[in-house]
Amino acid sequence: NQYDLVLMDINLPNVTGDQITRIIRDFPLHRIKNIPILGITAYAFEDNIKDYLNSGMNAVISKPYEETFLLETIFKLLK
């Protein structure tokens, strides 16, 4: 399958979203490693967000979020 965007929750069972993001970014296929990744988290402290972005996420939004903000962020990443 081919995907345009990944919505990545940070707090997943047995692994974190930033760990999975690093795996995706290290993947050898160009079309996979460059997929935009949008992190979604309740852990939205400034240092956390910097870490998520440094892991390779393109953007991070915090929970709870407005639907319009989520859609706006998705549209920006898909341009």
Protein backbone atom coordinates (compact mmCIF):
# COMPACT_ATOMS: atom_id res chain seq x y z
CA ASN A 1 0.00 0.00 0.00
CA GLN A 2 1.00 3.58 -0.56
CA TYR A 3 0.20 6.20 2.08
CA ASP A 4 0.15 9.99 1.99
CA LEU A 5 0.34 10.68 5.72
CA VAL A 6 0.86 8.92 9.06
CA LEU A 7 -1.11 9.96 12.14
CA MET A 8 1.14 8.81 14.97
CA ASP A 9 -0.02 8.59 18.56
CA ILE A 10 2.91 9.06 20.92
CA ASN A 11 1.79 6.76 23.71
CA LEU A 12 1.38 3.30 22.18
CA PRO A 13 1.52 -0.09 23.91
CA ASN A 14 5.06 -1.54 24.10
CA VAL A 15 6.62 1.21 21.97
CA THR A 16 6.42 4.96 21.59
CA GLY A 17 5.43 6.92 18.52
CA ASP A 18 8.79 8.66 18.36
CA GLN A 19 10.53 5.25 18.28
CA ILE A 20 8.36 4.14 15.36
CA THR A 21 9.01 7.47 13.64
CA ARG A 22 12.77 6.89 13.86
CA ILE A 23 12.30 3.44 12.29
CA ILE A 24 10.26 4.95 9.43
CA ARG A 25 12.85 7.71 8.87
CA ASP A 26 15.66 5.13 8.75
CA PHE A 27 13.81 2.97 6.22
CA PRO A 28 15.82 2.54 3.01
CA LEU A 29 12.98 3.27 0.54
CA HIS A 30 12.72 6.98 -0.27
CA ARG A 31 8.92 6.99 -0.74
CA ILE A 32 8.40 5.49 2.72
CA LYS A 33 10.96 7.45 4.68
CA ASN A 34 9.59 10.79 3.41
CA ILE A 35 5.93 10.27 4.32
CA PRO A 36 4.74 13.19 6.48
CA ILE A 37 4.22 12.10 10.09
CA LEU A 38 1.84 14.00 12.35
CA GLY A 39 2.31 13.23 16.02
CA ILE A 40 -0.68 13.38 18.34
CA THR A 41 -0.10 13.51 22.08
CA ALA A 42 -1.34 14.58 25.48
CA TYR A 43 2.32 15.12 26.48
CA ALA A 44 2.64 18.56 24.97
CA PHE A 45 5.34 20.19 27.03
CA GLU A 46 7.81 22.20 24.98
CA ASP A 47 10.68 19.76 25.56
CA ASN A 48 8.51 16.79 24.59
CA ILE A 49 7.43 18.44 21.34
CA LYS A 50 11.07 19.25 20.47
CA ASP A 51 11.98 15.61 21.05
CA TYR A 52 9.12 14.39 18.83
CA LEU A 53 10.13 16.76 16.04
CA ASN A 54 13.78 15.69 16.42
CA SER A 55 12.68 12.06 16.02
CA GLY A 56 11.49 12.95 12.51
CA MET A 57 7.86 13.98 12.94
CA ASN A 58 6.83 16.83 10.68
CA ALA A 59 4.34 18.32 13.13
CA VAL A 60 2.84 17.58 16.54
CA ILE A 61 -0.56 18.52 17.89
CA SER A 62 -1.74 18.10 21.45
CA LYS A 63 -4.88 16.44 22.74
CA PRO A 64 -7.54 17.55 23.02
CA TYR A 65 -7.57 19.30 19.67
CA GLU A 66 -10.17 20.99 17.54
CA GLU A 67 -11.18 19.10 14.40
CA THR A 68 -10.49 22.16 12.25
CA PHE A 69 -6.95 22.47 13.66
CA LEU A 70 -6.28 18.79 12.89
CA LEU A 71 -7.56 19.20 9.32
CA GLU A 72 -5.60 22.41 8.77
CA THR A 73 -2.42 20.70 9.94
CA ILE A 74 -3.05 17.68 7.69
CA PHE A 75 -3.66 19.93 4.67
CA LYS A 76 -0.41 21.83 5.34
CA LEU A 77 1.54 18.59 5.50
CA LEU A 78 0.03 17.30 2.25
CA LYS A 79 0.89 20.41 0.21
